[in-house]
Amino acid sequence: MWEYLKLVRIYTKPKGQLPDYESPVVLHSDRVSVEDFCNKLHRTISKEFKYALVWGSSVKHLPQKVGKDHILHDEDVVQIVKRV
């Protein structure tokens, strides 16, 4: 079903906690950048964005520090780090 509808599940990970696998952020496969993920959560997060830590098949190292233009894969885990 996920492939047919071209949907991607991205899981959130709050700092110091385990990933939340119960309620993924669902994105359409043509909008799967870290910036799209931030905008799906809340529009102000993109403005305060510093970098993201990503675990999953879209990165080589676990975790890997990425920017807004990084393309996420299905079932990646993302932790957003904001500027102070």
Protein backbone atom coordinates (compact mmCIF):
# COMPACT_ATOMS: atom_id res chain seq x y z
CA MET A 1 0.00 0.00 0.00
CA TRP A 2 2.79 2.46 0.92
CA GLU A 3 4.59 1.85 -2.39
CA TYR A 4 1.39 2.04 -4.47
CA LEU A 5 0.43 5.40 -2.91
CA LYS A 6 4.08 6.55 -3.07
CA LEU A 7 4.13 7.42 0.64
CA VAL A 8 7.19 7.46 2.91
CA ARG A 9 7.18 6.99 6.71
CA ILE A 10 9.68 9.07 8.67
CA TYR A 11 10.03 8.54 12.42
CA THR A 12 10.94 11.27 14.90
CA LYS A 13 13.49 10.97 17.68
CA PRO A 14 13.42 13.54 20.48
CA LYS A 15 16.82 14.27 22.02
CA GLY A 16 17.70 11.80 24.76
CA GLN A 17 14.74 9.51 24.00
CA LEU A 18 14.03 6.46 21.89
CA PRO A 19 12.50 6.90 18.42
CA ASP A 20 8.71 7.13 18.24
CA TYR A 21 7.72 4.21 16.01
CA GLU A 22 4.01 4.54 16.88
CA SER A 23 3.20 7.70 14.88
CA PRO A 24 5.35 8.33 11.79
CA VAL A 25 5.34 11.53 9.77
CA VAL A 26 3.96 10.56 6.36
CA LEU A 27 5.38 12.31 3.29
CA HIS A 28 4.65 11.90 -0.41
CA SER A 29 7.60 10.41 -2.30
CA ASP A 30 8.15 13.56 -4.40
CA ARG A 31 8.66 15.65 -1.24
CA VAL A 32 11.05 13.75 1.02
CA SER A 33 13.82 16.20 1.91
CA VAL A 34 14.64 17.08 5.50
CA GLU A 35 13.17 20.55 4.81
CA ASP A 36 9.85 18.97 3.74
CA PHE A 37 9.91 16.89 6.93
CA CYS A 38 10.47 20.04 9.04
CA ASN A 39 7.63 21.87 7.27
CA LYS A 40 5.30 18.93 7.87
CA LEU A 41 6.00 19.15 11.63
CA HIS A 42 5.81 22.96 11.93
CA ARG A 43 6.79 25.82 9.61
CA THR A 44 8.97 27.60 12.19
CA ILE A 45 11.26 24.58 12.63
CA SER A 46 12.72 25.13 9.17
CA LYS A 47 13.71 28.70 10.11
CA GLU A 48 15.47 27.57 13.33
CA PHE A 49 17.07 24.51 11.67
CA LYS A 50 20.79 23.91 12.33
CA TYR A 51 21.20 20.27 11.19
CA ALA A 52 19.52 16.89 11.49
CA LEU A 53 20.79 13.53 12.70
CA VAL A 54 19.51 10.67 10.56
CA TRP A 55 19.49 6.91 11.16
CA GLY A 56 18.44 4.65 8.29
CA SER A 57 19.11 3.59 4.71
CA SER A 58 19.55 7.14 3.34
CA VAL A 59 22.88 7.65 5.18
CA LYS A 60 26.24 5.89 5.28
CA HIS A 61 26.94 6.33 9.01
CA LEU A 62 24.56 5.90 11.94
CA PRO A 63 23.77 8.60 12.92
CA GLN A 64 24.86 11.02 10.22
CA LYS A 65 24.65 14.81 10.38
CA VAL A 66 22.76 16.16 7.32
CA GLY A 67 21.43 19.45 5.97
CA LYS A 68 18.00 20.55 4.75
CA ASP A 69 18.48 19.20 1.24
CA HIS A 70 19.15 15.58 2.29
CA ILE A 71 16.69 13.10 0.74
CA LEU A 72 15.09 10.72 3.25
CA HIS A 73 14.13 7.08 2.64
CA ASP A 74 11.18 5.10 3.97
CA GLU A 75 11.44 4.36 7.71
CA ASP A 76 14.38 6.70 8.39
CA VAL A 77 14.64 8.14 11.91
CA VAL A 78 15.29 11.90 12.18
CA GLN A 79 16.34 14.11 15.09
CA ILE A 80 16.20 17.85 14.37
CA VAL A 81 18.78 20.13 16.03
CA LYS A 82 17.76 23.80 16.14
CA ARG A 83 19.85 26.94 16.52
CA VAL A 84 19.78 28.41 19.99
